[in-house]
């Protein structure tokens, strides 16, 4: 195989580097014109690792007046090369990335000022030729970030220069302050005479165009009197596909690497799509796009998978990049803000159990309202933990998009259970293998159900069916040999759990499982228990015969397991003959 092909720009956010090194690029330049027509002041929220930084870097190169002579070199072959817009290479660009500021409250003001000062100095050196002699020297003599911004503002107006501001991760350090230091520190930062608020006031009257990207809308609402947004693109159908990859874009990438011989012919395009779709796909950010446009893949995860496949000739063993997993602590911090922890935790249980929730989306809300139930669900959407899966009248059906996100929920649940009563999770390695390869499922189930008993007995207040479901979800998700499908729909109902063999990674798996869990209150009678058990036996027999289930077994032997729990005690557990 020749190495003369475009490499995948995994982890690279520099557009110039992508173009100079001839790396593979998914063309998103057709959205430039839409953005121009939409307005001068734009705002967009997208989950992390969706290609925001590379897109902004590309946008900067397109509008930068200093890159005018390099336009053909940078944009050759892209949509915008044949369809340039009115404002191409017209602006002097100031690019700020607030993730570089840090979140130490004690030093935040100084760190922000230093960062802003450095960026203004870089601006002065880059565009000195447009200003009178001594512009750079005068900038050096000016102290303070806001003072330097004012200096640029005055100089640009005097010289008739148009300015474009790009702010990446606009909410990074403010969200960290909110999560780590609390409301008081956050309020001081964003209200009154807070320096962050002051700088936004200056932005409003200084720049001809502004684009701001982040992961949540909280900060923006607290700053609205300082910065009036003309358009929130976040849930606008015109920009639903601007970040991330559509299935067609992913297939084009796969096809290219097949053509250049970087992927073995026996690894088909359809098999790759079948691999990655359950893990990276199913994002929809606009109500009007649902059912009308293709869902979107997480672009960074696709690049991780493809770069591994191209570089090694094999699919990655882990479908989620270990280096870029979202820290479950961010979800935990969000849940534990304020005094509504238990209610929000229950919301998580419900989402994990059913896979979705019904709610509306709030575009903006202040930090003080973060604990409101609807705002909490909206934040889960903005963080990529939920996505649009349908409508219910005026409300939205918001569901877990894929396995990657589902695991993040499970990680949270697992940590919550471990805090109540720690369990040696490494002891499950052998039982998991025994169940998958040898068909010995009792050691696995006995270990999990004992952990459930011990944990629930410590905190009887969490006794209940939803807790049982959440507990099983969390523990079963640790099993690398299976993809856990809760509430799998069959022709005659919903099976509690289907353990789908992860055969692409572990082809040695020879057994698959469906689990039917039955919960009884501690005071339930023996007659009630018998009746419930009989019904469960009939249910699982029906599920086992379902054609949909049979088509998903991939040659493995199916085991049908019924479990009955009373309070937090195991009553019965049996394999049902098919």
Protein backbone atom coordinates (compact mmCIF):
# COMPACT_ATOMS: atom_id res chain seq x y z
CA UNK A 1 0.00 0.00 0.00
CA UNK A 2 1.27 3.43 -0.95
CA UNK A 3 1.46 6.10 1.75
CA UNK A 4 0.71 8.79 -0.80
CA UNK A 5 -2.76 9.68 0.42
CA UNK A 6 -4.44 12.27 2.61
CA UNK A 7 -4.04 11.60 6.29
CA UNK A 8 -6.92 12.07 8.71
CA UNK A 9 -6.61 15.32 10.73
CA UNK A 10 -7.50 13.72 14.03
CA UNK A 11 -6.78 16.12 16.89
CA UNK A 12 -5.73 18.94 14.53
CA UNK A 13 -7.57 22.26 14.66
CA UNK A 14 -5.28 24.33 12.40
CA UNK A 15 -6.89 24.82 8.99
CA UNK A 16 -3.59 26.01 7.47
CA UNK A 17 -1.89 22.85 8.68
CA UNK A 18 -4.65 20.69 7.23
CA UNK A 19 -4.25 22.37 3.83
CA UNK A 20 -0.46 22.66 3.76
CA UNK A 21 -0.01 19.00 4.71
CA UNK A 22 -2.74 17.82 2.34
CA UNK A 23 -4.87 16.22 5.08
CA UNK A 24 -8.41 14.97 4.52
CA UNK A 25 -11.01 17.70 4.99
CA UNK A 26 -14.80 17.48 5.05
CA UNK A 27 -15.96 20.62 3.26
CA UNK A 28 -18.19 22.87 5.38
CA UNK A 29 -17.51 26.14 3.52
CA UNK A 30 -21.00 26.21 1.99
CA UNK A 31 -22.20 27.50 5.36
CA UNK A 32 -20.21 30.74 5.10
CA UNK A 33 -22.81 32.39 2.88
CA UNK A 34 -25.64 31.24 5.13
CA UNK A 35 -23.89 32.83 8.09
CA UNK A 36 -23.42 36.11 6.25
CA UNK A 37 -27.09 36.24 5.33
CA UNK A 38 -28.16 35.29 8.86
CA UNK A 39 -26.67 38.34 10.54
CA UNK A 40 -23.59 40.11 11.85
CA UNK A 41 -23.69 38.72 15.39
CA UNK A 42 -23.95 34.96 15.68
CA UNK A 43 -23.90 32.45 18.48
CA UNK A 44 -23.70 28.66 18.41
CA UNK A 45 -23.67 25.94 21.06
CA UNK A 46 -22.45 22.44 20.20
CA UNK A 47 -21.15 19.55 22.32
CA UNK A 48 -17.42 19.11 22.74
CA UNK A 49 -15.44 17.33 20.04
CA UNK A 50 -17.70 18.35 17.20
CA UNK A 51 -15.09 20.14 15.12
CA UNK A 52 -15.81 23.66 16.39
CA UNK A 53 -12.18 24.80 16.62
CA UNK A 54 -11.22 23.63 13.12
CA UNK A 55 -14.32 25.26 11.67
CA UNK A 56 -13.54 28.58 13.35
CA UNK A 57 -9.93 28.35 12.18
CA UNK A 58 -11.16 27.84 8.62
CA UNK A 59 -13.58 30.75 8.99
CA UNK A 60 -10.77 32.98 10.21
CA UNK A 61 -8.60 32.14 7.19
CA UNK A 62 -11.48 32.87 4.82
CA UNK A 63 -12.31 36.33 6.14
CA UNK A 64 -8.77 37.45 7.07
CA UNK A 65 -7.63 40.32 4.84
CA UNK A 66 -4.04 39.14 5.37
CA UNK A 67 -4.86 35.83 3.67
CA UNK A 68 -6.27 37.44 0.52
CA UNK A 69 -3.29 36.44 -1.64
CA UNK A 70 -3.42 32.88 -0.27
CA UNK A 71 -7.09 32.31 -1.00
CA UNK A 72 -6.62 29.96 -3.94
CA UNK A 73 -3.99 27.93 -2.15
CA UNK A 74 -6.05 27.56 1.01
CA UNK A 75 -9.49 26.97 -0.48
CA UNK A 76 -8.84 25.26 -3.82
CA UNK A 77 -11.26 22.38 -4.33
CA UNK A 78 -13.66 23.56 -1.63
CA UNK A 79 -17.17 24.84 -2.26
CA UNK A 80 -16.35 28.42 -1.44
CA UNK A 81 -13.55 28.57 -4.02
CA UNK A 82 -16.18 28.43 -6.76
CA UNK A 83 -18.80 30.33 -4.75
CA UNK A 84 -16.97 33.15 -2.95
CA UNK A 85 -19.09 35.43 -0.81
CA UNK A 86 -19.32 39.20 -0.72
CA UNK A 87 -17.17 39.58 2.40
CA UNK A 88 -14.30 37.24 1.54
CA UNK A 89 -10.91 38.45 2.94
CA UNK A 90 -12.43 41.76 4.06
CA UNK A 91 -11.73 41.79 7.82
CA UNK A 92 -9.02 42.10 10.39
CA UNK A 93 -9.52 39.13 12.67
CA UNK A 94 -9.28 38.90 16.45
CA UNK A 95 -9.50 35.26 17.54
CA UNK A 96 -9.98 34.54 21.25
CA UNK A 97 -10.04 31.07 22.81
CA UNK A 98 -11.26 31.34 26.40
CA UNK A 99 -10.22 27.79 27.22
CA UNK A 100 -6.69 29.18 27.45
CA UNK A 101 -7.57 31.50 30.34
CA UNK A 102 -8.00 28.91 33.09
CA UNK A 103 -10.52 28.83 35.92
CA UNK A 104 -8.62 29.76 39.07
CA UNK A 105 -10.93 32.40 40.60
CA UNK A 106 -8.11 33.97 42.61
CA UNK A 107 -6.12 34.66 39.44
CA UNK A 108 -8.91 34.76 36.87
CA UNK A 109 -9.03 38.52 36.38
CA UNK A 110 -5.25 38.77 35.96
CA UNK A 111 -5.08 35.70 33.70
CA UNK A 112 -7.86 36.99 31.49
CA UNK A 113 -6.25 40.41 31.26
CA UNK A 114 -2.88 38.89 30.34
CA UNK A 115 -4.43 36.66 27.69
CA UNK A 116 -6.44 39.52 26.18
CA UNK A 117 -3.34 41.75 26.19
CA UNK A 118 -1.31 39.12 24.33
CA UNK A 119 -4.01 38.60 21.72
CA UNK A 120 -4.27 42.37 21.14
CA UNK A 121 -0.50 42.57 20.75
CA UNK A 122 -0.59 39.78 18.17
CA UNK A 123 -3.35 41.63 16.36
CA UNK A 124 -1.27 44.82 16.24
CA UNK A 125 1.72 43.03 14.74
CA UNK A 126 -0.41 41.18 12.20
CA UNK A 127 -2.21 44.28 10.88
CA UNK A 128 0.33 47.05 11.49
CA UNK A 129 0.49 47.90 7.77
CA UNK A 130 -3.09 49.19 7.88
CA UNK A 131 -2.36 51.73 10.59
CA UNK A 132 -0.08 54.78 11.03
CA UNK A 133 3.59 54.29 11.88
CA UNK A 134 4.17 53.52 15.53
CA UNK A 135 0.96 51.49 15.92
CA UNK A 136 2.75 48.48 17.40
CA UNK A 137 4.91 50.63 19.70
CA UNK A 138 1.85 52.48 20.98
CA UNK A 139 0.15 49.15 21.65
CA UNK A 140 3.17 48.03 23.67
CA UNK A 141 2.94 51.17 25.81
CA UNK A 142 -0.76 50.55 26.48
CA UNK A 143 -1.31 48.46 29.59
CA UNK A 144 -4.29 46.22 30.26
CA UNK A 145 -6.40 44.01 27.99
CA UNK A 146 -9.50 46.23 27.91
CA UNK A 147 -7.33 49.32 27.37
CA UNK A 148 -5.68 47.63 24.40
CA UNK A 149 -9.08 46.65 23.01
CA UNK A 150 -10.14 50.29 23.26
CA UNK A 151 -6.96 51.31 21.48
CA UNK A 152 -7.70 48.91 18.60
CA UNK A 153 -11.28 50.14 18.46
CA UNK A 154 -10.26 53.79 18.15
CA UNK A 155 -7.51 53.06 15.64
CA UNK A 156 -9.73 50.86 13.45
CA UNK A 157 -12.50 53.45 13.30
CA UNK A 158 -10.02 56.20 12.41
CA UNK A 159 -8.48 54.06 9.65
CA UNK A 160 -11.81 52.73 8.35
CA UNK A 161 -10.89 49.11 9.06
CA UNK A 162 -13.53 46.40 9.50
CA UNK A 163 -13.06 44.07 12.48
CA UNK A 164 -14.25 40.47 12.94
CA UNK A 165 -14.26 38.78 16.36
CA UNK A 166 -14.15 35.02 16.83
CA UNK A 167 -14.62 33.66 20.35
CA UNK A 168 -14.07 29.94 20.85
CA UNK A 169 -15.10 28.28 24.13
CA UNK A 170 -16.71 31.56 25.22
CA UNK A 171 -18.18 29.86 28.30
CA UNK A 172 -15.22 27.69 29.27
CA UNK A 173 -13.87 29.33 32.37
CA UNK A 174 -17.21 30.78 33.50
CA UNK A 175 -18.74 27.30 33.50
CA UNK A 176 -15.74 26.02 35.44
CA UNK A 177 -16.19 28.81 37.97
CA UNK A 178 -19.90 27.96 38.30
CA UNK A 179 -19.24 24.23 38.76
CA UNK A 180 -16.23 24.52 41.04
CA UNK A 181 -16.62 27.82 42.93
CA UNK A 182 -20.40 28.26 42.93
CA UNK A 183 -22.93 30.97 42.17
CA UNK A 184 -21.35 33.75 44.21
CA UNK A 185 -18.05 33.71 42.34
CA UNK A 186 -19.87 33.30 39.03
CA UNK A 187 -22.19 36.24 39.77
CA UNK A 188 -19.25 38.50 40.61
CA UNK A 189 -17.70 37.61 37.27
CA UNK A 190 -20.73 38.19 35.05
CA UNK A 191 -22.72 40.93 36.78
CA UNK A 192 -22.28 44.54 37.84
CA UNK A 193 -18.74 45.69 37.29
CA UNK A 194 -17.30 42.21 36.67
CA UNK A 195 -14.44 42.36 34.18
CA UNK A 196 -16.00 39.69 31.97
CA UNK A 197 -19.16 41.75 31.64
CA UNK A 198 -17.12 44.87 30.86
CA UNK A 199 -15.33 43.24 27.98
CA UNK A 200 -18.60 42.07 26.44
CA UNK A 201 -19.94 45.61 26.55
CA UNK A 202 -16.95 46.64 24.49
CA UNK A 203 -17.43 43.81 21.99
CA UNK A 204 -20.90 45.03 21.14
CA UNK A 205 -19.90 48.36 19.62
CA UNK A 206 -16.44 47.45 18.39
CA UNK A 207 -16.76 44.63 15.86
CA UNK A 208 -18.56 44.54 12.52
CA UNK A 209 -19.08 40.78 12.84
CA UNK A 210 -18.94 38.39 15.78
CA UNK A 211 -19.22 34.63 16.01
CA UNK A 212 -19.18 32.95 19.42
CA UNK A 213 -19.09 29.20 20.05
CA UNK A 214 -19.44 27.29 23.32
CA UNK A 215 -21.08 24.30 24.95
CA UNK A 216 -23.81 25.95 27.02
CA UNK A 217 -26.02 29.04 26.83
CA UNK A 218 -25.78 29.97 30.52
CA UNK A 219 -23.20 32.73 30.44
CA UNK A 220 -24.78 34.45 27.49
CA UNK A 221 -28.04 35.12 29.28
CA UNK A 222 -26.20 36.71 32.18
CA UNK A 223 -24.47 39.04 29.74
CA UNK A 224 -27.35 39.99 27.47
CA UNK A 225 -27.40 43.61 28.53
CA UNK A 226 -23.77 43.80 27.56
CA UNK A 227 -23.98 41.83 24.33
CA UNK A 228 -27.17 41.46 22.33
CA UNK A 229 -27.11 38.42 20.13
CA UNK A 230 -28.72 38.88 16.74
CA UNK A 231 -29.11 35.18 16.01
CA UNK A 232 -28.75 31.99 18.00
CA UNK A 233 -27.83 29.39 15.38
CA UNK A 234 -27.89 26.50 17.85
CA UNK A 235 -31.37 25.16 17.08
CA UNK A 236 -31.70 26.79 13.64
CA UNK A 237 -32.30 24.17 10.93
CA UNK A 238 -30.14 26.12 8.47
CA UNK A 239 -27.08 25.21 10.54
CA UNK A 240 -28.01 21.75 11.77
CA UNK A 241 -25.33 20.09 9.58
CA UNK A 242 -22.66 22.78 9.93
CA UNK A 243 -20.66 20.79 12.50
CA UNK A 244 -20.31 17.04 12.69
CA UNK A 245 -20.52 14.65 9.71
CA UNK A 246 -23.56 13.37 7.87
CA UNK A 247 -23.64 9.72 6.85
CA UNK A 248 -22.96 10.73 3.23
CA UNK A 249 -19.85 12.64 4.35
CA UNK A 250 -18.66 9.63 6.33
CA UNK A 251 -19.27 7.31 3.38
CA UNK A 252 -17.30 9.64 1.11
CA UNK A 253 -14.40 9.46 3.55
CA UNK A 254 -14.54 5.65 3.67
CA UNK A 255 -14.78 5.46 -0.13
CA UNK A 256 -11.69 7.66 -0.53
CA UNK A 257 -9.58 5.44 1.71
CA UNK A 258 -10.81 2.35 -0.12
CA UNK A 259 -9.83 3.91 -3.44
CA UNK A 260 -6.29 4.72 -2.27
CA UNK A 261 -5.85 1.27 -0.74
CA UNK A 262 -5.62 2.48 2.86
CA UNK A 263 -8.51 0.21 3.94
CA UNK A 264 -8.57 -3.49 3.11
CA UNK A 265 -11.23 -4.39 0.51
CA UNK A 266 -12.74 -7.00 2.82
CA UNK A 267 -13.62 -4.26 5.33
CA UNK A 268 -16.66 -2.94 3.51
CA UNK A 269 -18.16 0.52 3.66
CA UNK A 270 -21.41 -0.88 5.05
CA UNK A 271 -19.61 -2.82 7.80
CA UNK A 272 -17.81 0.34 8.96
CA UNK A 273 -21.07 2.29 9.02
CA UNK A 274 -22.72 -0.54 10.96
CA UNK A 275 -19.85 -0.38 13.45
CA UNK A 276 -19.80 3.34 14.09
CA UNK A 277 -23.46 4.33 13.70
CA UNK A 278 -24.61 3.03 17.12
CA UNK A 279 -21.66 4.77 18.80
CA UNK A 280 -21.23 8.15 17.08
CA UNK A 281 -24.43 8.95 15.13
CA UNK A 282 -27.97 10.18 15.77
CA UNK A 283 -27.43 13.83 16.67
CA UNK A 284 -30.12 16.29 15.63
CA UNK A 285 -29.96 19.88 16.85
CA UNK A 286 -32.98 21.49 15.19
CA UNK A 287 -36.64 20.54 15.51
CA UNK A 288 -37.32 21.36 11.86
CA UNK A 289 -34.45 19.13 10.75
CA UNK A 290 -35.74 15.97 12.41
CA UNK A 291 -37.00 13.52 9.79
CA UNK A 292 -36.05 15.91 6.98
CA UNK A 293 -32.24 15.83 7.18
CA UNK A 294 -29.80 13.08 8.04
CA UNK A 295 -28.67 12.77 11.62
CA UNK A 296 -25.12 13.85 12.40
CA UNK A 297 -22.09 11.87 13.54
CA UNK A 298 -19.66 13.15 16.15
CA UNK A 299 -16.82 14.18 13.83
CA UNK A 300 -13.94 13.69 16.25
CA UNK A 301 -15.07 10.17 17.09
CA UNK A 302 -15.33 9.28 13.39
CA UNK A 303 -11.81 10.62 12.84
CA UNK A 304 -10.54 8.60 15.81
CA UNK A 305 -12.04 5.39 14.40
CA UNK A 306 -10.90 6.04 10.83
CA UNK A 307 -7.37 7.09 11.77
CA UNK A 308 -6.97 3.87 13.79
CA UNK A 309 -8.33 1.79 10.91
CA UNK A 310 -6.11 3.49 8.32
CA UNK A 311 -2.95 3.51 10.46
CA UNK A 312 -3.18 -0.03 11.83
CA UNK A 313 -5.40 -1.85 9.35
CA UNK A 314 -7.69 -2.81 12.24
CA UNK A 315 -10.74 -1.36 13.87
CA UNK A 316 -10.11 0.16 17.32
CA UNK A 317 -10.66 -2.17 20.26
CA UNK A 318 -12.36 0.63 22.15
CA UNK A 319 -15.10 2.44 20.31
CA UNK A 320 -14.67 5.50 22.53
CA UNK A 321 -11.29 7.19 22.33
CA UNK A 322 -9.74 6.79 25.81
CA UNK A 323 -8.01 10.16 25.42
CA UNK A 324 -11.18 12.10 24.76
CA UNK A 325 -13.84 10.52 26.93
CA UNK A 326 -16.02 13.13 28.59
CA UNK A 327 -15.27 13.15 32.29
CA UNK A 328 -18.35 11.92 34.11
CA UNK A 329 -17.53 14.51 36.80
CA UNK A 330 -18.93 17.23 34.53
CA UNK A 331 -22.29 15.48 34.54
CA UNK A 332 -22.00 14.88 38.27
CA UNK A 333 -21.19 18.54 38.96
CA UNK A 334 -24.17 19.61 36.89
CA UNK A 335 -26.47 17.26 38.80
CA UNK A 336 -25.19 18.27 42.21
CA UNK A 337 -25.46 22.07 41.85
CA UNK A 338 -27.87 23.54 44.42
CA UNK A 339 -30.31 21.60 46.56
CA UNK A 340 -32.17 19.61 43.91
CA UNK A 341 -29.64 16.78 43.55
CA UNK A 342 -32.06 13.93 44.28
CA UNK A 343 -34.65 15.20 41.78
CA UNK A 344 -32.06 15.56 39.02
CA UNK A 345 -30.60 12.16 39.85
CA UNK A 346 -34.05 10.68 39.43
CA UNK A 347 -34.29 12.41 36.06
CA UNK A 348 -31.08 10.64 35.07
CA UNK A 349 -32.49 7.29 36.24
CA UNK A 350 -35.59 7.85 34.14
CA UNK A 351 -33.60 8.83 31.05
CA UNK A 352 -31.31 5.81 31.37
CA UNK A 353 -34.26 3.48 31.88
CA UNK A 354 -36.46 4.71 29.03
CA UNK A 355 -33.80 6.22 26.76
CA UNK A 356 -35.63 9.54 26.45
CA UNK A 357 -37.58 12.33 28.13
CA UNK A 358 -40.27 14.78 27.01
CA UNK A 359 -39.45 18.46 27.43
CA UNK A 360 -39.02 21.81 25.74
CA UNK A 361 -35.71 23.51 24.98
CA UNK A 362 -34.76 26.80 26.58
CA UNK A 363 -32.43 28.85 24.40
CA UNK A 364 -31.01 31.00 27.21
CA UNK A 365 -31.27 31.01 30.98
CA UNK A 366 -29.31 32.61 33.81
CA UNK A 367 -27.08 30.61 36.11
CA UNK A 368 -29.52 31.14 38.97
CA UNK A 369 -32.07 29.06 37.07
CA UNK A 370 -29.75 26.17 36.29
CA UNK A 371 -31.47 23.96 38.86
CA UNK A 372 -34.90 24.30 37.23
CA UNK A 373 -35.97 20.94 35.83
CA UNK A 374 -36.54 22.16 32.25
CA UNK A 375 -33.21 24.02 32.24
CA UNK A 376 -31.40 20.94 33.51
CA UNK A 377 -32.81 18.89 30.63
CA UNK A 378 -31.91 21.68 28.18
CA UNK A 379 -28.33 21.61 29.45
CA UNK A 380 -28.18 17.85 28.90
CA UNK A 381 -29.17 18.59 25.29
CA UNK A 382 -26.55 21.30 24.82
CA UNK A 383 -23.85 19.10 26.33
CA UNK A 384 -24.71 16.38 23.80
CA UNK A 385 -26.20 14.06 26.45
CA UNK A 386 -29.62 14.25 24.76
CA UNK A 387 -30.67 14.89 21.20
CA UNK A 388 -33.92 15.50 19.30
CA UNK A 389 -35.62 12.17 18.55
CA UNK A 390 -39.13 13.37 17.75
CA UNK A 391 -41.97 15.64 18.81
CA UNK A 392 -45.00 15.41 21.05
CA UNK A 393 -47.18 18.34 20.11
CA UNK A 394 -45.28 21.48 21.09
CA UNK A 395 -42.79 19.49 23.17
CA UNK A 396 -39.75 17.53 22.06
CA UNK A 397 -38.80 13.91 22.57
CA UNK A 398 -35.17 14.15 23.70
CA UNK A 399 -33.29 10.86 23.69
CA UNK A 400 -29.85 9.42 24.34
CA UNK A 401 -28.12 9.74 20.95
CA UNK A 402 -25.76 6.74 20.99
CA UNK A 403 -23.73 4.22 22.97
CA UNK A 404 -20.90 6.67 23.56
CA UNK A 405 -23.23 8.97 25.49
CA UNK A 406 -25.09 6.09 27.12
CA UNK A 407 -21.83 4.95 28.71
CA UNK A 408 -21.35 8.42 30.21
CA UNK A 409 -24.74 8.06 31.95
CA UNK A 410 -23.75 4.60 33.16
CA UNK A 411 -20.45 5.96 34.48
CA UNK A 412 -22.34 8.51 36.52
CA UNK A 413 -24.69 5.89 37.94
CA UNK A 414 -21.80 3.56 38.72
CA UNK A 415 -19.92 6.27 40.60
CA UNK A 416 -23.08 7.13 42.56
CA UNK A 417 -23.50 3.49 43.57
CA UNK A 418 -19.81 3.14 44.40
CA UNK A 419 -20.03 6.13 46.71
CA UNK A 420 -22.80 4.40 48.67
CA UNK A 421 -20.95 1.08 48.94
CA UNK A 422 -17.66 0.45 47.09
CA UNK A 423 -17.42 -2.78 45.10
CA UNK A 424 -14.35 -4.46 43.61
CA UNK A 425 -15.37 -4.12 39.97
CA UNK A 426 -12.23 -5.91 38.71
CA UNK A 427 -13.68 -9.13 40.13
CA UNK A 428 -16.23 -9.07 37.30
CA UNK A 429 -13.57 -9.64 34.61
CA UNK A 430 -13.68 -13.44 34.89
CA UNK A 431 -17.49 -13.73 35.27
CA UNK A 432 -17.97 -11.50 32.21
CA UNK A 433 -15.67 -13.78 30.18
CA UNK A 434 -17.37 -16.92 31.47
CA UNK A 435 -20.79 -15.62 30.43
CA UNK A 436 -19.63 -14.51 27.00
CA UNK A 437 -17.45 -17.45 25.97
CA UNK A 438 -18.58 -20.37 28.15
CA UNK A 439 -22.25 -19.57 28.70
CA UNK A 440 -21.81 -19.61 32.50
CA UNK A 441 -23.97 -16.65 33.41
CA UNK A 442 -24.71 -17.27 37.10
CA UNK A 443 -21.37 -15.98 38.50
CA UNK A 444 -21.90 -12.66 36.68
CA UNK A 445 -25.52 -12.28 37.75
CA UNK A 446 -24.86 -13.38 41.34
CA UNK A 447 -22.08 -10.83 41.73
CA UNK A 448 -24.17 -7.96 40.35
CA UNK A 449 -27.27 -8.84 42.35
CA UNK A 450 -25.26 -9.17 45.56
CA UNK A 451 -23.82 -5.71 44.91
CA UNK A 452 -27.37 -4.45 44.37
CA UNK A 453 -28.50 -5.99 47.66
CA UNK A 454 -25.57 -4.58 49.62
CA UNK A 455 -25.86 -1.11 48.11
CA UNK A 456 -29.62 -0.83 48.46
CA UNK A 457 -29.59 -2.20 51.99
CA UNK A 458 -27.32 0.71 52.96
CA UNK A 459 -29.72 3.27 51.52
CA UNK A 460 -33.19 1.82 51.56
CA UNK A 461 -34.56 5.07 50.21
CA UNK A 462 -33.25 4.13 46.76
CA UNK A 463 -35.12 0.83 46.81
CA UNK A 464 -37.40 0.58 43.80
CA UNK A 465 -37.82 -0.60 40.24
CA UNK A 466 -36.11 2.38 38.61
CA UNK A 467 -33.13 2.00 40.87
CA UNK A 468 -32.90 -1.71 40.01
CA UNK A 469 -32.97 -0.88 36.30
CA UNK A 470 -30.34 1.83 36.70
CA UNK A 471 -28.14 -0.46 38.78
CA UNK A 472 -28.27 -3.27 36.22
CA UNK A 473 -27.62 -0.80 33.40
CA UNK A 474 -24.54 0.57 35.12
CA UNK A 475 -23.02 -2.82 35.95
CA UNK A 476 -23.82 -4.52 32.64
CA UNK A 477 -22.30 -1.58 30.75
CA UNK A 478 -18.93 -2.58 32.23
CA UNK A 479 -19.06 -5.82 30.22
CA UNK A 480 -16.82 -5.30 27.17
CA UNK A 481 -18.21 -8.32 25.33
CA UNK A 482 -21.70 -6.89 24.88
CA UNK A 483 -23.59 -3.81 23.79
CA UNK A 484 -26.32 -3.34 26.36
CA UNK A 485 -29.74 -2.58 24.88
CA UNK A 486 -32.25 -1.68 27.62
CA UNK A 487 -35.95 -1.69 26.87
CA UNK A 488 -35.45 -3.41 23.52
CA UNK A 489 -38.72 -3.29 21.57
CA UNK A 490 -40.02 -6.55 20.16
CA UNK A 491 -43.32 -7.38 18.50
CA UNK A 492 -45.05 -8.15 21.80
CA UNK A 493 -43.49 -5.69 24.20
CA UNK A 494 -40.23 -4.42 25.64
CA UNK A 495 -37.56 -6.71 27.02
CA UNK A 496 -35.68 -5.19 29.97
CA UNK A 497 -32.21 -6.01 28.65
CA UNK A 498 -30.68 -7.52 25.54
CA UNK A 499 -26.95 -8.22 25.72
CA UNK A 500 -25.97 -7.86 22.08
CA UNK A 501 -22.61 -9.51 21.31
CA UNK A 502 -19.87 -7.00 20.52
CA UNK A 503 -18.75 -9.40 17.80
CA UNK A 504 -16.75 -6.92 15.73
CA UNK A 505 -14.30 -6.45 18.59
CA UNK A 506 -14.68 -9.82 20.34
CA UNK A 507 -15.53 -12.48 17.73
CA UNK A 508 -14.96 -15.21 20.35
CA UNK A 509 -18.30 -14.42 22.03
CA UNK A 510 -20.55 -17.46 21.72
CA UNK A 511 -23.50 -16.55 23.96
CA UNK A 512 -26.08 -13.77 24.07
CA UNK A 513 -28.68 -12.93 26.69
CA UNK A 514 -32.09 -11.40 27.25
CA UNK A 515 -32.96 -10.46 30.82
CA UNK A 516 -36.39 -9.85 32.26
CA UNK A 517 -36.30 -8.16 35.66
CA UNK A 518 -39.30 -8.25 37.95
CA UNK A 519 -39.49 -6.08 41.03
CA UNK A 520 -41.75 -6.55 44.05
CA UNK A 521 -42.19 -4.24 46.99
CA UNK A 522 -40.90 -5.63 50.27
CA UNK A 523 -44.44 -6.23 51.57
CA UNK A 524 -45.68 -8.09 48.47
CA UNK A 525 -47.49 -11.39 49.09
CA UNK A 526 -46.42 -14.84 47.91
CA UNK A 527 -49.43 -14.97 45.61
CA UNK A 528 -48.40 -11.69 43.99
CA UNK A 529 -44.89 -13.03 43.53
CA UNK A 530 -46.12 -16.25 41.89
CA UNK A 531 -48.42 -14.38 39.53
CA UNK A 532 -45.66 -11.99 38.51
CA UNK A 533 -43.22 -14.87 37.95
CA UNK A 534 -45.65 -16.74 35.70
CA UNK A 535 -46.24 -13.63 33.60
CA UNK A 536 -42.49 -13.06 33.27
CA UNK A 537 -41.93 -16.61 31.99
CA UNK A 538 -44.49 -16.13 29.25
CA UNK A 539 -43.12 -12.70 28.33
CA UNK A 540 -39.55 -13.83 27.89
CA UNK A 541 -40.57 -16.87 25.80
CA UNK A 542 -42.33 -14.48 23.44
CA UNK A 543 -39.29 -12.20 23.25
CA UNK A 544 -36.95 -15.12 22.56
CA UNK A 545 -39.01 -16.19 19.54
CA UNK A 546 -39.09 -12.73 18.00
CA UNK A 547 -37.63 -12.60 14.49
CA UNK A 548 -35.93 -9.27 15.14
CA UNK A 549 -34.07 -10.76 18.08
CA UNK A 550 -33.09 -13.89 16.18
CA UNK A 551 -31.57 -11.80 13.38
CA UNK A 552 -29.26 -10.03 15.85
CA UNK A 553 -27.68 -13.09 17.46
CA UNK A 554 -24.86 -13.54 14.90
CA UNK A 555 -24.69 -17.27 15.49
CA UNK A 556 -24.50 -17.03 19.31
CA UNK A 557 -26.55 -19.17 21.68
CA UNK A 558 -29.39 -17.24 23.29
CA UNK A 559 -30.06 -17.51 27.02
CA UNK A 560 -33.34 -16.21 28.45
CA UNK A 561 -32.97 -15.21 32.10
CA UNK A 562 -35.75 -14.13 34.45
CA UNK A 563 -34.87 -12.40 37.73
CA UNK A 564 -37.30 -11.56 40.52
CA UNK A 565 -36.32 -9.09 43.25
CA UNK A 566 -38.35 -8.37 46.38
CA UNK A 567 -37.26 -5.17 48.12
CA UNK A 568 -33.56 -5.63 47.70
CA UNK A 569 -33.48 -9.44 48.05
CA UNK A 570 -33.15 -11.93 45.20
CA UNK A 571 -36.20 -14.22 45.21
CA UNK A 572 -35.75 -16.31 42.05
CA UNK A 573 -33.45 -16.43 39.05
CA UNK A 574 -33.80 -19.01 36.30
CA UNK A 575 -32.94 -19.65 32.68
CA UNK A 576 -36.11 -20.30 30.68
CA UNK A 577 -36.08 -22.96 28.00
CA UNK A 578 -37.03 -21.68 24.53
